[in-house]
Amino acid sequence: MNRFALALGLALGATTALAQAPAAPAATVPPAKCEPKPAYPGAKAIQHDMKREQFQKELKAYQDCVKNYVAERKAYIEASNAAIRTAVEEHNAVMTKIREEQDAARKEQEGK
């Protein structure tokens, strides 16, 4: 009976410790650093080939920068989610094993 009580105490203690763990500090997400931000030159200026081409070039560079930033953030999120799933699966496996060992210990004690 003592082993069962010890196992139960350890299992409950581990669960309590997880529940009481301090919250992790909020992660800081780096902002997008897409500069310069394009500014529409106006209806008259956009009619000049050189100014229109310059604006289109700046606009494309800005859009590409934002798309790259979003792709990087999405990749980070997906990697984080995969790590979270792995941690949860590992936790569940450990808790299942502990429960099974507790049940076996209880049955052993009941059989004696």
PDB file of N, CA and C in Angstrom:
ATOM      1  N   MET A   1       0.824  -1.190   0.000  1.00  0.00           N
ATOM      2  CA  MET A   1       0.000   0.000   0.000  1.00  0.00           C
ATOM      3  C   MET A   1       0.864   1.249   0.000  1.00  0.00           C
ATOM      4  N   ASN A   2       2.038   1.168   0.650  1.00  0.00           N
ATOM      5  CA  ASN A   2       2.911   2.336   0.720  1.00  0.00           C
ATOM      6  C   ASN A   2       3.411   2.751  -0.655  1.00  0.00           C
ATOM      7  N   ARG A   3       3.714   1.754  -1.502  1.00  0.00           N
ATOM      8  CA  ARG A   3       4.201   2.093  -2.848  1.00  0.00           C
ATOM      9  C   ARG A   3       3.103   2.788  -3.656  1.00  0.00           C
ATOM     10  N   PHE A   4       1.886   2.294  -3.488  1.00  0.00           N
ATOM     11  CA  PHE A   4       0.769   2.911  -4.192  1.00  0.00           C
ATOM     12  C   PHE A   4       0.573   4.355  -3.731  1.00  0.00           C
ATOM     13  N   ALA A   5       0.628   4.578  -2.449  1.00  0.00           N
ATOM     14  CA  ALA A   5       0.458   5.925  -1.905  1.00  0.00           C
ATOM     15  C   ALA A   5       1.583   6.836  -2.388  1.00  0.00           C
ATOM     16  N   LEU A   6       2.797   6.286  -2.425  1.00  0.00           N
ATOM     17  CA  LEU A   6       3.940   7.072  -2.904  1.00  0.00           C
ATOM     18  C   LEU A   6       3.757   7.429  -4.381  1.00  0.00           C
ATOM     19  N   ALA A   7       3.355   6.437  -5.193  1.00  0.00           N
ATOM     20  CA  ALA A   7       3.163   6.687  -6.626  1.00  0.00           C
ATOM     21  C   ALA A   7       2.057   7.711  -6.850  1.00  0.00           C
ATOM     22  N   LEU A   8       0.971   7.557  -6.093  1.00  0.00           N
ATOM     23  CA  LEU A   8      -0.127   8.508  -6.222  1.00  0.00           C
ATOM     24  C   LEU A   8       0.313   9.904  -5.818  1.00  0.00           C
ATOM     25  N   GLY A   9       1.058   9.988  -4.747  1.00  0.00           N
ATOM     26  CA  GLY A   9       1.558  11.288  -4.282  1.00  0.00           C
ATOM     27  C   GLY A   9       2.478  11.933  -5.304  1.00  0.00           C
ATOM     28  N   LEU A  10       3.351  11.125  -5.899  1.00  0.00           N
ATOM     29  CA  LEU A  10       4.252  11.661  -6.918  1.00  0.00           C
ATOM     30  C   LEU A  10       3.477  12.136  -8.141  1.00  0.00           C
ATOM     31  N   ALA A  11       2.512  11.358  -8.570  1.00  0.00           N
ATOM     32  CA  ALA A  11       1.721  11.742  -9.745  1.00  0.00           C
ATOM     33  C   ALA A  11       0.944  13.022  -9.482  1.00  0.00           C
ATOM     34  N   LEU A  12       0.312  13.099  -8.340  1.00  0.00           N
ATOM     35  CA  LEU A  12      -0.442  14.307  -8.013  1.00  0.00           C
ATOM     36  C   LEU A  12       0.483  15.494  -7.813  1.00  0.00           C
ATOM     37  N   GLY A  13       1.632  15.243  -7.240  1.00  0.00           N
ATOM     38  CA  GLY A  13       2.607  16.322  -7.042  1.00  0.00           C
ATOM     39  C   GLY A  13       3.098  16.871  -8.365  1.00  0.00           C
ATOM     40  N   ALA A  14       3.333  15.981  -9.331  1.00  0.00           N
ATOM     41  CA  ALA A  14       3.790  16.430 -10.649  1.00  0.00           C
ATOM     42  C   ALA A  14       2.712  17.252 -11.337  1.00  0.00           C
ATOM     43  N   THR A  15       1.466  16.832 -11.219  1.00  0.00           N
ATOM     44  CA  THR A  15       0.363  17.572 -11.832  1.00  0.00           C
ATOM     45  C   THR A  15       0.210  18.931 -11.166  1.00  0.00           C
ATOM     46  N   THR A  16       0.318  18.952  -9.843  1.00  0.00           N
ATOM     47  CA  THR A  16       0.207  20.213  -9.110  1.00  0.00           C
ATOM     48  C   THR A  16       1.345  21.149  -9.476  1.00  0.00           C
ATOM     49  N   ALA A  17       2.544  20.604  -9.608  1.00  0.00           N
ATOM     50  CA  ALA A  17       3.690  21.442  -9.965  1.00  0.00           C
ATOM     51  C   ALA A  17       3.484  22.075 -11.335  1.00  0.00           C
ATOM     52  N   LEU A  18       2.941  21.304 -12.272  1.00  0.00           N
ATOM     53  CA  LEU A  18       2.681  21.869 -13.601  1.00  0.00           C
ATOM     54  C   LEU A  18       1.631  22.958 -13.526  1.00  0.00           C
ATOM     55  N   ALA A  19       0.617  22.737 -12.729  1.00  0.00           N
ATOM     56  CA  ALA A  19      -0.455  23.722 -12.619  1.00  0.00           C
ATOM     57  C   ALA A  19       0.025  25.008 -11.963  1.00  0.00           C
ATOM     58  N   GLN A  20       1.027  24.914 -11.106  1.00  0.00           N
ATOM     59  CA  GLN A  20       1.500  26.077 -10.374  1.00  0.00           C
ATOM     60  C   GLN A  20       2.700  26.751 -11.035  1.00  0.00           C
ATOM     61  N   ALA A  21       3.146  26.213 -12.141  1.00  0.00           N
ATOM     62  CA  ALA A  21       4.304  26.795 -12.814  1.00  0.00           C
ATOM     63  C   ALA A  21       3.987  28.229 -13.219  1.00  0.00           C
ATOM     64  N   PRO A  22       4.927  29.144 -13.036  1.00  0.00           N
ATOM     65  CA  PRO A  22       4.665  30.530 -13.416  1.00  0.00           C
ATOM     66  C   PRO A  22       4.508  30.651 -14.925  1.00  0.00           C
ATOM     67  N   ALA A  23       3.715  31.587 -15.310  1.00  0.00           N
ATOM     68  CA  ALA A  23       3.484  31.815 -16.734  1.00  0.00           C
ATOM     69  C   ALA A  23       4.779  32.257 -17.404  1.00  0.00           C
ATOM     70  N   ALA A  24       4.994  31.749 -18.590  1.00  0.00           N
ATOM     71  CA  ALA A  24       6.185  32.139 -19.346  1.00  0.00           C
ATOM     72  C   ALA A  24       6.044  33.598 -19.765  1.00  0.00           C
ATOM     73  N   PRO A  25       7.156  34.314 -19.825  1.00  0.00           N
ATOM     74  CA  PRO A  25       7.061  35.714 -20.259  1.00  0.00           C
ATOM     75  C   PRO A  25       6.555  35.781 -21.700  1.00  0.00           C
ATOM     76  N   ALA A  26       5.823  36.816 -21.969  1.00  0.00           N
ATOM     77  CA  ALA A  26       5.287  36.991 -23.318  1.00  0.00           C
ATOM     78  C   ALA A  26       6.430  37.103 -24.317  1.00  0.00           C
ATOM     79  N   ALA A  27       6.297  36.368 -25.394  1.00  0.00           N
ATOM     80  CA  ALA A  27       7.327  36.405 -26.429  1.00  0.00           C
ATOM     81  C   ALA A  27       7.231  37.719 -27.187  1.00  0.00           C
ATOM     82  N   THR A  28       8.361  38.252 -27.504  1.00  0.00           N
ATOM     83  CA  THR A  28       8.355  39.468 -28.316  1.00  0.00           C
ATOM     84  C   THR A  28       8.528  39.064 -29.771  1.00  0.00           C
ATOM     85  N   VAL A  29       7.688  39.584 -30.594  1.00  0.00           N
ATOM     86  CA  VAL A  29       7.725  39.287 -32.019  1.00  0.00           C
ATOM     87  C   VAL A  29       8.365  40.472 -32.713  1.00  0.00           C
ATOM     88  N   PRO A  30       9.432  40.213 -33.458  1.00  0.00           N
ATOM     89  CA  PRO A  30      10.078  41.344 -34.144  1.00  0.00           C
ATOM     90  C   PRO A  30       9.130  41.945 -35.180  1.00  0.00           C
ATOM     91  N   PRO A  31       9.078  43.254 -35.231  1.00  0.00           N
ATOM     92  CA  PRO A  31       8.201  43.890 -36.219  1.00  0.00           C
ATOM     93  C   PRO A  31       8.797  43.778 -37.624  1.00  0.00           C
ATOM     94  N   ALA A  32       7.954  43.928 -38.594  1.00  0.00           N
ATOM     95  CA  ALA A  32       8.428  43.947 -39.979  1.00  0.00           C
ATOM     96  C   ALA A  32       9.274  45.206 -40.170  1.00  0.00           C
ATOM     97  N   LYS A  33      10.376  45.046 -40.845  1.00  0.00           N
ATOM     98  CA  LYS A  33      11.256  46.192 -41.102  1.00  0.00           C
ATOM     99  C   LYS A  33      11.301  46.442 -42.607  1.00  0.00           C
ATOM    100  N   CYS A  34      10.165  46.779 -43.146  1.00  0.00           N
ATOM    101  CA  CYS A  34      10.038  46.994 -44.577  1.00  0.00           C
ATOM    102  C   CYS A  34      10.084  48.497 -44.862  1.00  0.00           C
ATOM    103  N   GLU A  35      11.222  48.941 -45.242  1.00  0.00           N
ATOM    104  CA  GLU A  35      11.436  50.361 -45.531  1.00  0.00           C
ATOM    105  C   GLU A  35      12.131  50.500 -46.868  1.00  0.00           C
ATOM    106  N   PRO A  36      11.917  51.541 -47.555  1.00  0.00           N
ATOM    107  CA  PRO A  36      10.963  52.616 -47.281  1.00  0.00           C
ATOM    108  C   PRO A  36       9.561  52.187 -47.688  1.00  0.00           C
ATOM    109  N   LYS A  37       8.584  52.718 -46.991  1.00  0.00           N
ATOM    110  CA  LYS A  37       7.199  52.471 -47.361  1.00  0.00           C
ATOM    111  C   LYS A  37       6.880  53.382 -48.552  1.00  0.00           C
ATOM    112  N   PRO A  38       6.319  52.786 -49.599  1.00  0.00           N
ATOM    113  CA  PRO A  38       6.050  53.606 -50.785  1.00  0.00           C
ATOM    114  C   PRO A  38       4.923  54.612 -50.530  1.00  0.00           C
ATOM    115  N   ALA A  39       5.030  55.732 -51.189  1.00  0.00           N
ATOM    116  CA  ALA A  39       3.995  56.766 -51.107  1.00  0.00           C
ATOM    117  C   ALA A  39       3.532  57.056 -52.535  1.00  0.00           C
ATOM    118  N   TYR A  40       2.249  57.086 -52.714  1.00  0.00           N
ATOM    119  CA  TYR A  40       1.693  57.376 -54.033  1.00  0.00           C
ATOM    120  C   TYR A  40       2.104  58.789 -54.427  1.00  0.00           C
ATOM    121  N   PRO A  41       2.724  58.939 -55.592  1.00  0.00           N
ATOM    122  CA  PRO A  41       3.252  60.258 -55.979  1.00  0.00           C
ATOM    123  C   PRO A  41       2.198  61.255 -56.465  1.00  0.00           C
ATOM    124  N   GLY A  42       0.996  60.782 -56.688  1.00  0.00           N
ATOM    125  CA  GLY A  42      -0.050  61.690 -57.168  1.00  0.00           C
ATOM    126  C   GLY A  42      -0.399  61.395 -58.621  1.00  0.00           C
ATOM    127  N   ALA A  43      -1.570  61.862 -59.026  1.00  0.00           N
ATOM    128  CA  ALA A  43      -2.085  61.554 -60.368  1.00  0.00           C
ATOM    129  C   ALA A  43      -1.212  62.130 -61.477  1.00  0.00           C
ATOM    130  N   LYS A  44      -0.708  63.352 -61.284  1.00  0.00           N
ATOM    131  CA  LYS A  44       0.115  63.964 -62.333  1.00  0.00           C
ATOM    132  C   LYS A  44       1.477  63.290 -62.434  1.00  0.00           C
ATOM    133  N   ALA A  45       2.109  63.052 -61.293  1.00  0.00           N
ATOM    134  CA  ALA A  45       3.444  62.460 -61.297  1.00  0.00           C
ATOM    135  C   ALA A  45       3.432  61.030 -61.835  1.00  0.00           C
ATOM    136  N   ILE A  46       2.378  60.293 -61.551  1.00  0.00           N
ATOM    137  CA  ILE A  46       2.309  58.891 -61.975  1.00  0.00           C
ATOM    138  C   ILE A  46       2.230  58.762 -63.493  1.00  0.00           C
ATOM    139  N   GLN A  47       1.887  59.864 -64.152  1.00  0.00           N
ATOM    140  CA  GLN A  47       1.805  59.835 -65.616  1.00  0.00           C
ATOM    141  C   GLN A  47       3.183  59.880 -66.261  1.00  0.00           C
ATOM    142  N   HIS A  48       4.190  60.305 -65.546  1.00  0.00           N
ATOM    143  CA  HIS A  48       5.557  60.326 -66.067  1.00  0.00           C
ATOM    144  C   HIS A  48       6.160  58.936 -65.907  1.00  0.00           C
ATOM    145  N   ASP A  49       6.695  58.415 -67.007  1.00  0.00           N
ATOM    146  CA  ASP A  49       7.224  57.053 -67.005  1.00  0.00           C
ATOM    147  C   ASP A  49       8.242  56.811 -65.897  1.00  0.00           C
ATOM    148  N   MET A  50       9.176  57.706 -65.743  1.00  0.00           N
ATOM    149  CA  MET A  50      10.248  57.518 -64.774  1.00  0.00           C
ATOM    150  C   MET A  50       9.693  57.474 -63.337  1.00  0.00           C
ATOM    151  N   LYS A  51       8.799  58.383 -63.016  1.00  0.00           N
ATOM    152  CA  LYS A  51       8.221  58.422 -61.669  1.00  0.00           C
ATOM    153  C   LYS A  51       7.316  57.211 -61.428  1.00  0.00           C
ATOM    154  N   ARG A  52       6.575  56.807 -62.441  1.00  0.00           N
ATOM    155  CA  ARG A  52       5.705  55.635 -62.301  1.00  0.00           C
ATOM    156  C   ARG A  52       6.547  54.375 -62.097  1.00  0.00           C
ATOM    157  N   GLU A  53       7.599  54.227 -62.879  1.00  0.00           N
ATOM    158  CA  GLU A  53       8.474  53.056 -62.739  1.00  0.00           C
ATOM    159  C   GLU A  53       9.143  53.022 -61.369  1.00  0.00           C
ATOM    160  N   GLN A  54       9.558  54.183 -60.881  1.00  0.00           N
ATOM    161  CA  GLN A  54      10.175  54.253 -59.554  1.00  0.00           C
ATOM    162  C   GLN A  54       9.162  53.855 -58.471  1.00  0.00           C
ATOM    163  N   PHE A  55       7.954  54.358 -58.594  1.00  0.00           N
ATOM    164  CA  PHE A  55       6.909  54.010 -57.632  1.00  0.00           C
ATOM    165  C   PHE A  55       6.616  52.517 -57.684  1.00  0.00           C
ATOM    166  N   GLN A  56       6.487  51.952 -58.874  1.00  0.00           N
ATOM    167  CA  GLN A  56       6.204  50.523 -59.009  1.00  0.00           C
ATOM    168  C   GLN A  56       7.339  49.679 -58.417  1.00  0.00           C
ATOM    169  N   LYS A  57       8.564  50.125 -58.617  1.00  0.00           N
ATOM    170  CA  LYS A  57       9.728  49.419 -58.064  1.00  0.00           C
ATOM    171  C   LYS A  57       9.682  49.446 -56.525  1.00  0.00           C
ATOM    172  N   GLU A  58       9.412  50.612 -55.951  1.00  0.00           N
ATOM    173  CA  GLU A  58       9.330  50.737 -54.491  1.00  0.00           C
ATOM    174  C   GLU A  58       8.162  49.919 -53.934  1.00  0.00           C
ATOM    175  N   LEU A  59       7.035  49.953 -54.647  1.00  0.00           N
ATOM    176  CA  LEU A  59       5.853  49.214 -54.226  1.00  0.00           C
ATOM    177  C   LEU A  59       6.132  47.709 -54.230  1.00  0.00           C
ATOM    178  N   LYS A  60       6.765  47.209 -55.272  1.00  0.00           N
ATOM    179  CA  LYS A  60       7.083  45.784 -55.357  1.00  0.00           C
ATOM    180  C   LYS A  60       8.056  45.376 -54.256  1.00  0.00           C
ATOM    181  N   ALA A  61       9.069  46.176 -54.023  1.00  0.00           N
ATOM    182  CA  ALA A  61      10.032  45.862 -52.961  1.00  0.00           C
ATOM    183  C   ALA A  61       9.346  45.803 -51.603  1.00  0.00           C
ATOM    184  N   TYR A  62       8.457  46.742 -51.357  1.00  0.00           N
ATOM    185  CA  TYR A  62       7.723  46.770 -50.090  1.00  0.00           C
ATOM    186  C   TYR A  62       6.824  45.541 -49.962  1.00  0.00           C
ATOM    187  N   GLN A  63       6.081  45.230 -51.024  1.00  0.00           N
ATOM    188  CA  GLN A  63       5.198  44.067 -50.988  1.00  0.00           C
ATOM    189  C   GLN A  63       5.979  42.768 -50.786  1.00  0.00           C
ATOM    190  N   ASP A  64       7.109  42.642 -51.466  1.00  0.00           N
ATOM    191  CA  ASP A  64       7.944  41.447 -51.297  1.00  0.00           C
ATOM    192  C   ASP A  64       8.462  41.327 -49.876  1.00  0.00           C
ATOM    193  N   CYS A  65       8.848  42.440 -49.305  1.00  0.00           N
ATOM    194  CA  CYS A  65       9.339  42.453 -47.925  1.00  0.00           C
ATOM    195  C   CYS A  65       8.247  41.985 -46.964  1.00  0.00           C
ATOM    196  N   VAL A  66       7.047  42.505 -47.121  1.00  0.00           N
ATOM    197  CA  VAL A  66       5.939  42.119 -46.244  1.00  0.00           C
ATOM    198  C   VAL A  66       5.601  40.640 -46.434  1.00  0.00           C
ATOM    199  N   LYS A  67       5.585  40.168 -47.667  1.00  0.00           N
ATOM    200  CA  LYS A  67       5.304  38.755 -47.922  1.00  0.00           C
ATOM    201  C   LYS A  67       6.355  37.864 -47.267  1.00  0.00           C
ATOM    202  N   ASN A  68       7.621  38.255 -47.358  1.00  0.00           N
ATOM    203  CA  ASN A  68       8.692  37.479 -46.729  1.00  0.00           C
ATOM    204  C   ASN A  68       8.546  37.472 -45.213  1.00  0.00           C
ATOM    205  N   TYR A  69       8.208  38.616 -44.643  1.00  0.00           N
ATOM    206  CA  TYR A  69       8.003  38.711 -43.199  1.00  0.00           C
ATOM    207  C   TYR A  69       6.873  37.782 -42.758  1.00  0.00           C
ATOM    208  N   VAL A  70       5.762  37.812 -43.473  1.00  0.00           N
ATOM    209  CA  VAL A  70       4.616  36.966 -43.142  1.00  0.00           C
ATOM    210  C   VAL A  70       4.999  35.486 -43.273  1.00  0.00           C
ATOM    211  N   ALA A  71       5.726  35.132 -44.308  1.00  0.00           N
ATOM    212  CA  ALA A  71       6.151  33.740 -44.496  1.00  0.00           C
ATOM    213  C   ALA A  71       7.060  33.280 -43.347  1.00  0.00           C
ATOM    214  N   GLU A  72       7.960  34.146 -42.903  1.00  0.00           N
ATOM    215  CA  GLU A  72       8.836  33.812 -41.781  1.00  0.00           C
ATOM    216  C   GLU A  72       8.038  33.607 -40.499  1.00  0.00           C
ATOM    217  N   ARG A  73       7.083  34.494 -40.240  1.00  0.00           N
ATOM    218  CA  ARG A  73       6.246  34.377 -39.028  1.00  0.00           C
ATOM    219  C   ARG A  73       5.414  33.105 -39.084  1.00  0.00           C
ATOM    220  N   LYS A  74       4.854  32.777 -40.260  1.00  0.00           N
ATOM    221  CA  LYS A  74       4.060  31.559 -40.396  1.00  0.00           C
ATOM    222  C   LYS A  74       4.926  30.324 -40.139  1.00  0.00           C
ATOM    223  N   ALA A  75       6.141  30.313 -40.667  1.00  0.00           N
ATOM    224  CA  ALA A  75       7.043  29.175 -40.449  1.00  0.00           C
ATOM    225  C   ALA A  75       7.357  29.020 -38.963  1.00  0.00           C
ATOM    226  N   TYR A  76       7.571  30.132 -38.281  1.00  0.00           N
ATOM    227  CA  TYR A  76       7.846  30.090 -36.844  1.00  0.00           C
ATOM    228  C   TYR A  76       6.639  29.542 -36.076  1.00  0.00           C
ATOM    229  N   ILE A  77       5.460  29.981 -36.455  1.00  0.00           N
ATOM    230  CA  ILE A  77       4.238  29.520 -35.795  1.00  0.00           C
ATOM    231  C   ILE A  77       4.052  28.019 -36.012  1.00  0.00           C
ATOM    232  N   GLU A  78       4.270  27.562 -37.222  1.00  0.00           N
ATOM    233  CA  GLU A  78       4.121  26.138 -37.517  1.00  0.00           C
ATOM    234  C   GLU A  78       5.129  25.312 -36.724  1.00  0.00           C
ATOM    235  N   ALA A  79       6.368  25.790 -36.626  1.00  0.00           N
ATOM    236  CA  ALA A  79       7.383  25.079 -35.840  1.00  0.00           C
ATOM    237  C   ALA A  79       7.008  25.077 -34.360  1.00  0.00           C
ATOM    238  N   SER A  80       6.488  26.184 -33.860  1.00  0.00           N
ATOM    239  CA  SER A  80       6.049  26.257 -32.463  1.00  0.00           C
ATOM    240  C   SER A  80       4.903  25.295 -32.204  1.00  0.00           C
ATOM    241  N   ASN A  81       3.945  25.260 -33.106  1.00  0.00           N
ATOM    242  CA  ASN A  81       2.811  24.351 -32.950  1.00  0.00           C
ATOM    243  C   ASN A  81       3.261  22.895 -32.953  1.00  0.00           C
ATOM    244  N   ALA A  82       4.222  22.556 -33.799  1.00  0.00           N
ATOM    245  CA  ALA A  82       4.748  21.183 -33.832  1.00  0.00           C
ATOM    246  C   ALA A  82       5.424  20.839 -32.506  1.00  0.00           C
ATOM    247  N   ALA A  83       6.179  21.774 -31.960  1.00  0.00           N
ATOM    248  CA  ALA A  83       6.845  21.548 -30.673  1.00  0.00           C
ATOM    249  C   ALA A  83       5.823  21.396 -29.553  1.00  0.00           C
ATOM    250  N   ILE A  84       4.765  22.170 -29.603  1.00  0.00           N
ATOM    251  CA  ILE A  84       3.698  22.075 -28.601  1.00  0.00           C
ATOM    252  C   ILE A  84       3.026  20.706 -28.687  1.00  0.00           C
ATOM    253  N   ARG A  85       2.704  20.278 -29.902  1.00  0.00           N
ATOM    254  CA  ARG A  85       2.064  18.968 -30.066  1.00  0.00           C
ATOM    255  C   ARG A  85       2.961  17.856 -29.521  1.00  0.00           C
ATOM    256  N   THR A  86       4.256  17.930 -29.803  1.00  0.00           N
ATOM    257  CA  THR A  86       5.198  16.925 -29.316  1.00  0.00           C
ATOM    258  C   THR A  86       5.231  16.907 -27.795  1.00  0.00           C
ATOM    259  N   ALA A  87       5.270  18.077 -27.177  1.00  0.00           N
ATOM    260  CA  ALA A  87       5.303  18.158 -25.712  1.00  0.00           C
ATOM    261  C   ALA A  87       4.029  17.582 -25.107  1.00  0.00           C
ATOM    262  N   VAL A  88       2.888  17.885 -25.699  1.00  0.00           N
ATOM    263  CA  VAL A  88       1.609  17.370 -25.189  1.00  0.00           C
ATOM    264  C   VAL A  88       1.548  15.853 -25.341  1.00  0.00           C
ATOM    265  N   GLU A  89       1.978  15.340 -26.485  1.00  0.00           N
ATOM    266  CA  GLU A  89       1.976  13.891 -26.700  1.00  0.00           C
ATOM    267  C   GLU A  89       2.899  13.199 -25.700  1.00  0.00           C
ATOM    268  N   GLU A  90       4.068  13.782 -25.461  1.00  0.00           N
ATOM    269  CA  GLU A  90       5.003  13.215 -24.493  1.00  0.00           C
ATOM    270  C   GLU A  90       4.394  13.231 -23.094  1.00  0.00           C
ATOM    271  N   HIS A  91       3.788  14.339 -22.724  1.00  0.00           N
ATOM    272  CA  HIS A  91       3.143  14.458 -21.415  1.00  0.00           C
ATOM    273  C   HIS A  91       2.053  13.409 -21.271  1.00  0.00           C
ATOM    274  N   ASN A  92       1.216  13.276 -22.289  1.00  0.00           N
ATOM    275  CA  ASN A  92       0.124  12.307 -22.233  1.00  0.00           C
ATOM    276  C   ASN A  92       0.659  10.881 -22.100  1.00  0.00           C
ATOM    277  N   ALA A  93       1.726  10.557 -22.810  1.00  0.00           N
ATOM    278  CA  ALA A  93       2.318   9.220 -22.724  1.00  0.00           C
ATOM    279  C   ALA A  93       2.855   8.955 -21.317  1.00  0.00           C
ATOM    280  N   VAL A  94       3.531   9.938 -20.730  1.00  0.00           N
ATOM    281  CA  VAL A  94       4.061   9.787 -19.372  1.00  0.00           C
ATOM    282  C   VAL A  94       2.925   9.609 -18.378  1.00  0.00           C
ATOM    283  N   MET A  95       1.891  10.416 -18.500  1.00  0.00           N
ATOM    284  CA  MET A  95       0.772  10.323 -17.566  1.00  0.00           C
ATOM    285  C   MET A  95       0.031   8.994 -17.723  1.00  0.00           C
ATOM    286  N   THR A  96      -0.109   8.499 -18.937  1.00  0.00           N
ATOM    287  CA  THR A  96      -0.746   7.206 -19.169  1.00  0.00           C
ATOM    288  C   THR A  96       0.078   6.091 -18.533  1.00  0.00           C
ATOM    289  N   LYS A  97       1.387   6.150 -18.708  1.00  0.00           N
ATOM    290  CA  LYS A  97       2.271   5.136 -18.118  1.00  0.00           C
ATOM    291  C   LYS A  97       2.160   5.160 -16.595  1.00  0.00           C
ATOM    292  N   ILE A  98       2.144   6.342 -16.009  1.00  0.00           N
ATOM    293  CA  ILE A  98       2.031   6.454 -14.550  1.00  0.00           C
ATOM    294  C   ILE A  98       0.698   5.879 -14.082  1.00  0.00           C
ATOM    295  N   ARG A  99      -0.374   6.204 -14.790  1.00  0.00           N
ATOM    296  CA  ARG A  99      -1.700   5.684 -14.425  1.00  0.00           C
ATOM    297  C   ARG A  99      -1.720   4.159 -14.497  1.00  0.00           C
ATOM    298  N   GLU A 100      -1.139   3.614 -15.564  1.00  0.00           N
ATOM    299  CA  GLU A 100      -1.090   2.158 -15.720  1.00  0.00           C
ATOM    300  C   GLU A 100      -0.280   1.522 -14.594  1.00  0.00           C
ATOM    301  N   GLU A 101       0.852   2.140 -14.243  1.00  0.00           N
ATOM    302  CA  GLU A 101       1.675   1.611 -13.155  1.00  0.00           C
ATOM    303  C   GLU A 101       0.950   1.711 -11.817  1.00  0.00           C
ATOM    304  N   GLN A 102       0.193   2.773 -11.620  1.00  0.00           N
ATOM    305  CA  GLN A 102      -0.579   2.913 -10.385  1.00  0.00           C
ATOM    306  C   GLN A 102      -1.673   1.847 -10.313  1.00  0.00           C
ATOM    307  N   ASP A 103      -2.348   1.616 -11.431  1.00  0.00           N
ATOM    308  CA  ASP A 103      -3.389   0.586 -11.458  1.00  0.00           C
ATOM    309  C   ASP A 103      -2.797  -0.791 -11.173  1.00  0.00           C
ATOM    310  N   ALA A 104      -1.648  -1.083 -11.783  1.00  0.00           N
ATOM    311  CA  ALA A 104      -0.995  -2.373 -11.548  1.00  0.00           C
ATOM    312  C   ALA A 104      -0.584  -2.510 -10.088  1.00  0.00           C
ATOM    313  N   ALA A 105      -0.055  -1.444  -9.515  1.00  0.00           N
ATOM    314  CA  ALA A 105       0.362  -1.481  -8.109  1.00  0.00           C
ATOM    315  C   ALA A 105      -0.850  -1.677  -7.201  1.00  0.00           C
ATOM    316  N   ARG A 106      -1.959  -1.023  -7.530  1.00  0.00           N
ATOM    317  CA  ARG A 106      -3.172  -1.158  -6.724  1.00  0.00           C
ATOM    318  C   ARG A 106      -3.699  -2.585  -6.798  1.00  0.00           C
ATOM    319  N   LYS A 107      -3.704  -3.152  -8.000  1.00  0.00           N
ATOM    320  CA  LYS A 107      -4.180  -4.531  -8.163  1.00  0.00           C
ATOM    321  C   LYS A 107      -3.273  -5.497  -7.414  1.00  0.00           C
ATOM    322  N   GLU A 108      -1.961  -5.223  -7.456  1.00  0.00           N
ATOM    323  CA  GLU A 108      -1.008  -6.070  -6.736  1.00  0.00           C
ATOM    324  C   GLU A 108      -1.281  -6.006  -5.246  1.00  0.00           C
ATOM    325  N   GLN A 109      -1.550  -4.825  -4.735  1.00  0.00           N
ATOM    326  CA  GLN A 109      -1.799  -4.650  -3.310  1.00  0.00           C
ATOM    327  C   GLN A 109      -3.136  -5.298  -2.916  1.00  0.00           C
ATOM    328  N   GLU A 110      -4.113  -5.203  -3.792  1.00  0.00           N
ATOM    329  CA  GLU A 110      -5.419  -5.801  -3.507  1.00  0.00           C
ATOM    330  C   GLU A 110      -5.333  -7.322  -3.513  1.00  0.00           C
ATOM    331  N   GLY A 111      -4.441  -7.867  -4.338  1.00  0.00           N
ATOM    332  CA  GLY A 111      -4.280  -9.314  -4.448  1.00  0.00           C
ATOM    333  C   GLY A 111      -3.559  -9.921  -3.247  1.00  0.00           C
ATOM    334  N   LYS A 112      -2.859  -9.150  -2.464  1.00  0.00           N
ATOM    335  CA  LYS A 112      -2.098  -9.674  -1.317  1.00  0.00           C
ATOM    336  C   LYS A 112      -2.924  -9.719  -0.077  1.00  0.00           C
TER     337      LYS A 112
END
